[in-house]
Amino acid sequence: MQDWQLPYLGRRAFPAQLTDFELRQFFTFDEIERADIRRAFRSRLRLGAALQLGFLRLTGATLHSMEHVPAAVLKLLGSQLGMPAPDLATLRALYRRKMTRIAHQSWAIDYAGFRALDSDGEALLIVFLRDRTTSSIARPRLEQDARAWLHRNSYLIPRARWLTHSVRTAIRTVTSEDHAALVKAVGATSLGAQSATFGTFA
């Protein structure tokens, strides 16, 4: 994973723009991958599966919104799969059946080697976040670090609300532990006196 990929991690919809480099980096498939897509799906379903696979590699999450799909993405996928690029209305019609979208997402997850975040993964993520708080306790930075860690370890990136809650919990835990260690080191009375003194000058 490259640093320029960080802003895309965790998204569930396409960004307004993708550069030509980004487009080709994640939505270009080699001969074996194209053969696997053709083997797994009938012709009219192949492009949707390829779309999910490329999006997953880009963001670490599955594509849920069809409000905007860059025409350049559809054109590139169509050219690789030997089929006309559908317009967005056709793609939306294909995904009216929820099971079609779920089948494409499940196949892409398995094929790309991603996995849902389980209890073991959550524990490892918390350890990672606690370690990162030694350099920063800024929530946006820690959330970005968490998304990068999840992607590097092939975990599907959970929704933003869950990630924000996990980061806040880690920050509160570390802050509480640091405070307890400080009280133990200098004593509650001494710490209270110092707080009162600094408060006077605030």
C-alpha atoms as a PDB file:
ATOM      1  CA  MET A   1       0.000   0.000   0.000  1.00  0.00           C
ATOM      2  CA  GLN A   2       1.254   3.464  -0.955  1.00  0.00           C
ATOM      3  CA  ASP A   3       0.773   6.688   1.022  1.00  0.00           C
ATOM      4  CA  TRP A   4      -1.255   8.232  -1.817  1.00  0.00           C
ATOM      5  CA  GLN A   5      -3.823   5.465  -1.294  1.00  0.00           C
ATOM      6  CA  LEU A   6      -4.603   6.528   2.292  1.00  0.00           C
ATOM      7  CA  PRO A   7      -7.451   8.982   1.459  1.00  0.00           C
ATOM      8  CA  TYR A   8      -9.368   6.183  -0.281  1.00  0.00           C
ATOM      9  CA  LEU A   9      -9.218   3.605   2.501  1.00  0.00           C
ATOM     10  CA  GLY A  10     -12.573   2.735   4.038  1.00  0.00           C
ATOM     11  CA  ARG A  11     -14.669   4.415   1.346  1.00  0.00           C
ATOM     12  CA  ARG A  12     -17.845   2.670   0.210  1.00  0.00           C
ATOM     13  CA  ALA A  13     -18.446   4.901  -2.800  1.00  0.00           C
ATOM     14  CA  PHE A  14     -16.246   6.132  -5.611  1.00  0.00           C
ATOM     15  CA  PRO A  15     -14.429   9.435  -5.116  1.00  0.00           C
ATOM     16  CA  ALA A  16     -15.322  12.279  -7.446  1.00  0.00           C
ATOM     17  CA  GLN A  17     -12.156  11.691  -9.456  1.00  0.00           C
ATOM     18  CA  LEU A  18      -9.505   9.043 -10.013  1.00  0.00           C
ATOM     19  CA  THR A  19      -6.281   9.706 -11.852  1.00  0.00           C
ATOM     20  CA  ASP A  20      -5.394   7.582 -14.849  1.00  0.00           C
ATOM     21  CA  PHE A  21      -2.577   6.026 -12.807  1.00  0.00           C
ATOM     22  CA  GLU A  22      -4.931   5.096  -9.950  1.00  0.00           C
ATOM     23  CA  LEU A  23      -7.459   3.748 -12.405  1.00  0.00           C
ATOM     24  CA  ARG A  24      -4.952   1.419 -14.056  1.00  0.00           C
ATOM     25  CA  GLN A  25      -3.288   0.471 -10.782  1.00  0.00           C
ATOM     26  CA  PHE A  26      -6.435  -1.064  -9.304  1.00  0.00           C
ATOM     27  CA  PHE A  27      -8.759  -1.822 -12.204  1.00  0.00           C
ATOM     28  CA  THR A  28      -6.339  -3.498 -14.581  1.00  0.00           C
ATOM     29  CA  PHE A  29      -6.348  -7.303 -14.390  1.00  0.00           C
ATOM     30  CA  ASP A  30      -3.827  -9.754 -15.758  1.00  0.00           C
ATOM     31  CA  GLU A  31      -4.668 -12.719 -17.977  1.00  0.00           C
ATOM     32  CA  ILE A  32      -5.147 -15.135 -15.086  1.00  0.00           C
ATOM     33  CA  GLU A  33      -7.446 -12.738 -13.219  1.00  0.00           C
ATOM     34  CA  ARG A  34      -9.555 -12.141 -16.325  1.00  0.00           C
ATOM     35  CA  ALA A  35      -9.864 -15.887 -16.861  1.00  0.00           C
ATOM     36  CA  ASP A  36     -10.923 -16.376 -13.239  1.00  0.00           C
ATOM     37  CA  ILE A  37     -13.611 -13.694 -13.587  1.00  0.00           C
ATOM     38  CA  ARG A  38     -14.932 -15.304 -16.781  1.00  0.00           C
ATOM     39  CA  ARG A  39     -14.972 -18.712 -15.128  1.00  0.00           C
ATOM     40  CA  ALA A  40     -16.817 -17.472 -12.037  1.00  0.00           C
ATOM     41  CA  PHE A  41     -19.587 -15.431 -13.703  1.00  0.00           C
ATOM     42  CA  ARG A  42     -21.804 -15.347 -16.761  1.00  0.00           C
ATOM     43  CA  SER A  43     -20.976 -12.643 -19.296  1.00  0.00           C
ATOM     44  CA  ARG A  44     -23.440  -9.994 -18.120  1.00  0.00           C
ATOM     45  CA  LEU A  45     -22.284 -10.340 -14.511  1.00  0.00           C
ATOM     46  CA  ARG A  46     -18.536 -10.215 -15.090  1.00  0.00           C
ATOM     47  CA  LEU A  47     -18.089  -6.480 -15.163  1.00  0.00           C
ATOM     48  CA  GLY A  48     -19.838  -6.023 -11.811  1.00  0.00           C
ATOM     49  CA  ALA A  49     -17.570  -8.595 -10.190  1.00  0.00           C
ATOM     50  CA  ALA A  50     -14.466  -6.945 -11.669  1.00  0.00           C
ATOM     51  CA  LEU A  51     -15.715  -3.581 -10.428  1.00  0.00           C
ATOM     52  CA  GLN A  52     -16.041  -4.908  -6.870  1.00  0.00           C
ATOM     53  CA  LEU A  53     -12.595  -6.510  -6.997  1.00  0.00           C
ATOM     54  CA  GLY A  54     -10.857  -3.343  -8.160  1.00  0.00           C
ATOM     55  CA  PHE A  55     -12.727  -1.176  -5.665  1.00  0.00           C
ATOM     56  CA  LEU A  56     -11.846  -3.535  -2.802  1.00  0.00           C
ATOM     57  CA  ARG A  57      -8.156  -3.363  -3.700  1.00  0.00           C
ATOM     58  CA  LEU A  58      -8.337   0.427  -3.797  1.00  0.00           C
ATOM     59  CA  THR A  59     -10.286   1.039  -0.587  1.00  0.00           C
ATOM     60  CA  GLY A  60     -10.147  -2.090   1.560  1.00  0.00           C
ATOM     61  CA  ALA A  61     -13.963  -2.043   1.610  1.00  0.00           C
ATOM     62  CA  THR A  62     -16.746  -3.203  -0.676  1.00  0.00           C
ATOM     63  CA  LEU A  63     -18.575  -0.892  -3.064  1.00  0.00           C
ATOM     64  CA  HIS A  64     -22.110  -0.112  -1.871  1.00  0.00           C
ATOM     65  CA  SER A  65     -23.115   3.073  -3.670  1.00  0.00           C
ATOM     66  CA  MET A  66     -23.827   3.226  -7.398  1.00  0.00           C
ATOM     67  CA  GLU A  67     -24.593   6.929  -7.370  1.00  0.00           C
ATOM     68  CA  HIS A  68     -21.302   7.611  -9.114  1.00  0.00           C
ATOM     69  CA  VAL A  69     -19.078   5.197 -11.025  1.00  0.00           C
ATOM     70  CA  PRO A  70     -16.504   6.867 -13.292  1.00  0.00           C
ATOM     71  CA  ALA A  71     -17.177   6.155 -16.947  1.00  0.00           C
ATOM     72  CA  ALA A  72     -13.441   5.589 -17.423  1.00  0.00           C
ATOM     73  CA  VAL A  73     -13.591   2.676 -14.957  1.00  0.00           C
ATOM     74  CA  LEU A  74     -16.453   1.015 -16.839  1.00  0.00           C
ATOM     75  CA  LYS A  75     -14.714   1.570 -20.175  1.00  0.00           C
ATOM     76  CA  LEU A  76     -11.446   0.045 -18.929  1.00  0.00           C
ATOM     77  CA  LEU A  77     -13.193  -2.992 -17.439  1.00  0.00           C
ATOM     78  CA  GLY A  78     -15.277  -3.511 -20.574  1.00  0.00           C
ATOM     79  CA  SER A  79     -12.220  -3.438 -22.812  1.00  0.00           C
ATOM     80  CA  GLN A  80     -10.461  -6.065 -20.684  1.00  0.00           C
ATOM     81  CA  LEU A  81     -13.460  -8.383 -20.528  1.00  0.00           C
ATOM     82  CA  GLY A  82     -14.317  -8.039 -24.207  1.00  0.00           C
ATOM     83  CA  MET A  83     -17.726  -6.480 -23.672  1.00  0.00           C
ATOM     84  CA  PRO A  84     -19.326  -3.068 -24.197  1.00  0.00           C
ATOM     85  CA  ALA A  85     -19.047  -0.773 -21.196  1.00  0.00           C
ATOM     86  CA  PRO A  86     -22.528  -0.458 -19.660  1.00  0.00           C
ATOM     87  CA  ASP A  87     -23.984   2.881 -18.754  1.00  0.00           C
ATOM     88  CA  LEU A  88     -24.618   3.621 -15.095  1.00  0.00           C
ATOM     89  CA  ALA A  89     -28.362   2.965 -15.410  1.00  0.00           C
ATOM     90  CA  THR A  90     -27.665  -0.577 -16.636  1.00  0.00           C
ATOM     91  CA  LEU A  91     -25.259  -1.199 -13.778  1.00  0.00           C
ATOM     92  CA  ARG A  92     -27.779   0.056 -11.241  1.00  0.00           C
ATOM     93  CA  ALA A  93     -30.442  -2.194 -12.757  1.00  0.00           C
ATOM     94  CA  LEU A  94     -28.105  -5.175 -12.372  1.00  0.00           C
ATOM     95  CA  TYR A  95     -27.647  -4.385  -8.690  1.00  0.00           C
ATOM     96  CA  ARG A  96     -31.323  -3.997  -7.929  1.00  0.00           C
ATOM     97  CA  ARG A  97     -31.100  -7.639  -6.913  1.00  0.00           C
ATOM     98  CA  LYS A  98     -29.331  -7.450  -3.561  1.00  0.00           C
ATOM     99  CA  MET A  99     -28.104 -11.023  -3.888  1.00  0.00           C
ATOM    100  CA  THR A 100     -26.186 -10.122  -7.052  1.00  0.00           C
ATOM    101  CA  ARG A 101     -24.259  -7.407  -5.232  1.00  0.00           C
ATOM    102  CA  ILE A 102     -23.621  -9.694  -2.258  1.00  0.00           C
ATOM    103  CA  ALA A 103     -22.379 -12.482  -4.544  1.00  0.00           C
ATOM    104  CA  HIS A 104     -19.971 -10.101  -6.283  1.00  0.00           C
ATOM    105  CA  GLN A 105     -18.710  -8.695  -2.978  1.00  0.00           C
ATOM    106  CA  SER A 106     -18.241 -12.132  -1.408  1.00  0.00           C
ATOM    107  CA  TRP A 107     -16.341 -13.392  -4.440  1.00  0.00           C
ATOM    108  CA  ALA A 108     -14.096 -10.298  -4.501  1.00  0.00           C
ATOM    109  CA  ILE A 109     -13.329 -10.615  -0.771  1.00  0.00           C
ATOM    110  CA  ASP A 110     -12.340 -14.262  -1.124  1.00  0.00           C
ATOM    111  CA  TYR A 111     -10.392 -13.743  -4.341  1.00  0.00           C
ATOM    112  CA  ALA A 112      -8.405 -10.776  -3.003  1.00  0.00           C
ATOM    113  CA  GLY A 113      -7.628 -12.608   0.245  1.00  0.00           C
ATOM    114  CA  PHE A 114      -9.461 -10.210   2.553  1.00  0.00           C
ATOM    115  CA  ARG A 115     -11.349 -11.264   5.679  1.00  0.00           C
ATOM    116  CA  ALA A 116     -13.812  -9.809   8.139  1.00  0.00           C
ATOM    117  CA  LEU A 117     -12.358  -8.338  11.302  1.00  0.00           C
ATOM    118  CA  ASP A 118     -12.780 -10.967  14.030  1.00  0.00           C
ATOM    119  CA  SER A 119     -12.091 -10.806  17.772  1.00  0.00           C
ATOM    120  CA  ASP A 120      -8.425 -11.724  17.284  1.00  0.00           C
ATOM    121  CA  GLY A 121      -8.046  -8.977  14.700  1.00  0.00           C
ATOM    122  CA  GLU A 122      -9.758  -6.464  16.989  1.00  0.00           C
ATOM    123  CA  ALA A 123      -7.334  -7.335  19.784  1.00  0.00           C
ATOM    124  CA  LEU A 124      -4.352  -6.864  17.474  1.00  0.00           C
ATOM    125  CA  LEU A 125      -5.765  -3.554  16.250  1.00  0.00           C
ATOM    126  CA  ILE A 126      -6.125  -2.272  19.818  1.00  0.00           C
ATOM    127  CA  VAL A 127      -2.519  -3.235  20.558  1.00  0.00           C
ATOM    128  CA  PHE A 128      -1.448  -1.354  17.438  1.00  0.00           C
ATOM    129  CA  LEU A 129      -3.480   1.741  18.386  1.00  0.00           C
ATOM    130  CA  ARG A 130      -2.116   1.765  21.932  1.00  0.00           C
ATOM    131  CA  ASP A 131       1.392   1.684  20.499  1.00  0.00           C
ATOM    132  CA  ARG A 132       0.587   4.542  18.088  1.00  0.00           C
ATOM    133  CA  THR A 133      -0.634   6.771  20.944  1.00  0.00           C
ATOM    134  CA  THR A 134       2.994   7.180  22.024  1.00  0.00           C
ATOM    135  CA  SER A 135       3.447   9.527  19.062  1.00  0.00           C
ATOM    136  CA  SER A 136      -0.069  10.989  18.714  1.00  0.00           C
ATOM    137  CA  ILE A 137      -3.484  10.920  20.379  1.00  0.00           C
ATOM    138  CA  ALA A 138      -5.139  12.917  17.602  1.00  0.00           C
ATOM    139  CA  ARG A 139      -8.228  10.928  16.632  1.00  0.00           C
ATOM    140  CA  PRO A 140      -8.140  11.628  12.849  1.00  0.00           C
ATOM    141  CA  ARG A 141      -4.499  10.536  12.669  1.00  0.00           C
ATOM    142  CA  LEU A 142      -5.161   7.362  14.653  1.00  0.00           C
ATOM    143  CA  GLU A 143      -8.183   6.511  12.512  1.00  0.00           C
ATOM    144  CA  GLN A 144      -6.053   6.858   9.392  1.00  0.00           C
ATOM    145  CA  ASP A 145      -3.357   4.682  10.963  1.00  0.00           C
ATOM    146  CA  ALA A 146      -5.989   2.082  11.853  1.00  0.00           C
ATOM    147  CA  ARG A 147      -7.334   1.955   8.291  1.00  0.00           C
ATOM    148  CA  ALA A 148      -3.806   1.533   6.931  1.00  0.00           C
ATOM    149  CA  TRP A 149      -3.096  -1.270   9.419  1.00  0.00           C
ATOM    150  CA  LEU A 150      -6.316  -3.062   8.515  1.00  0.00           C
ATOM    151  CA  HIS A 151      -5.555  -2.853   4.795  1.00  0.00           C
ATOM    152  CA  ARG A 152      -1.966  -4.054   5.238  1.00  0.00           C
ATOM    153  CA  ASN A 153      -3.228  -7.052   7.181  1.00  0.00           C
ATOM    154  CA  SER A 154      -6.002  -7.845   4.677  1.00  0.00           C
ATOM    155  CA  TYR A 155      -8.890  -7.071   7.024  1.00  0.00           C
ATOM    156  CA  LEU A 156     -12.022  -5.469   5.614  1.00  0.00           C
ATOM    157  CA  ILE A 157     -12.181  -1.919   6.913  1.00  0.00           C
ATOM    158  CA  PRO A 158     -15.247  -1.504   9.169  1.00  0.00           C
ATOM    159  CA  ARG A 159     -17.595   1.439   8.913  1.00  0.00           C
ATOM    160  CA  ALA A 160     -16.370   4.815  10.127  1.00  0.00           C
ATOM    161  CA  ARG A 161     -18.595   4.844  13.238  1.00  0.00           C
ATOM    162  CA  TRP A 162     -17.105   1.589  14.522  1.00  0.00           C
ATOM    163  CA  LEU A 163     -13.576   2.756  13.821  1.00  0.00           C
ATOM    164  CA  THR A 164     -14.146   6.104  15.542  1.00  0.00           C
ATOM    165  CA  HIS A 165     -15.541   4.340  18.627  1.00  0.00           C
ATOM    166  CA  SER A 166     -12.537   1.983  18.769  1.00  0.00           C
ATOM    167  CA  VAL A 167     -10.047   4.835  18.479  1.00  0.00           C
ATOM    168  CA  ARG A 168     -11.832   6.889  21.149  1.00  0.00           C
ATOM    169  CA  THR A 169     -11.867   3.877  23.470  1.00  0.00           C
ATOM    170  CA  ALA A 170      -8.127   3.349  22.940  1.00  0.00           C
ATOM    171  CA  ILE A 171      -7.410   7.034  23.645  1.00  0.00           C
ATOM    172  CA  ARG A 172      -9.518   7.033  26.823  1.00  0.00           C
ATOM    173  CA  THR A 173      -7.873   3.840  28.052  1.00  0.00           C
ATOM    174  CA  VAL A 174      -4.334   5.074  27.443  1.00  0.00           C
ATOM    175  CA  THR A 175      -5.088   8.500  28.946  1.00  0.00           C
ATOM    176  CA  SER A 176      -6.595   6.890  32.038  1.00  0.00           C
ATOM    177  CA  GLU A 177      -3.633   4.546  32.434  1.00  0.00           C
ATOM    178  CA  ASP A 178      -1.171   7.415  32.029  1.00  0.00           C
ATOM    179  CA  HIS A 179      -3.001   9.423  34.671  1.00  0.00           C
ATOM    180  CA  ALA A 180      -3.035   6.485  37.068  1.00  0.00           C
ATOM    181  CA  ALA A 181       0.694   5.959  36.542  1.00  0.00           C
ATOM    182  CA  LEU A 182       1.342   9.657  37.178  1.00  0.00           C
ATOM    183  CA  VAL A 183      -0.697   9.617  40.378  1.00  0.00           C
ATOM    184  CA  LYS A 184       1.217   6.580  41.559  1.00  0.00           C
ATOM    185  CA  ALA A 185       4.540   8.238  40.759  1.00  0.00           C
ATOM    186  CA  VAL A 186       3.996  11.680  42.320  1.00  0.00           C
ATOM    187  CA  GLY A 187       1.043  11.104  44.629  1.00  0.00           C
ATOM    188  CA  ALA A 188      -2.523  12.339  44.329  1.00  0.00           C
ATOM    189  CA  THR A 189      -1.983  15.241  46.752  1.00  0.00           C
ATOM    190  CA  SER A 190       1.082  16.524  44.925  1.00  0.00           C
ATOM    191  CA  LEU A 191      -0.625  16.155  41.557  1.00  0.00           C
ATOM    192  CA  GLY A 192      -3.659  18.065  42.801  1.00  0.00           C
ATOM    193  CA  ALA A 193      -1.468  20.886  44.053  1.00  0.00           C
ATOM    194  CA  GLN A 194       0.348  21.116  40.734  1.00  0.00           C
ATOM    195  CA  SER A 195      -2.977  21.171  38.853  1.00  0.00           C
ATOM    196  CA  ALA A 196      -4.201  24.012  41.078  1.00  0.00           C
ATOM    197  CA  THR A 197      -0.997  25.940  40.480  1.00  0.00           C
ATOM    198  CA  PHE A 198      -1.133  25.586  36.717  1.00  0.00           C
ATOM    199  CA  GLY A 199      -4.818  26.456  36.811  1.00  0.00           C
ATOM    200  CA  THR A 200      -3.950  29.732  38.516  1.00  0.00           C
ATOM    201  CA  PHE A 201      -1.794  30.767  35.603  1.00  0.00           C
ATOM    202  CA  ALA A 202      -4.256  29.587  32.938  1.00  0.00           C
END
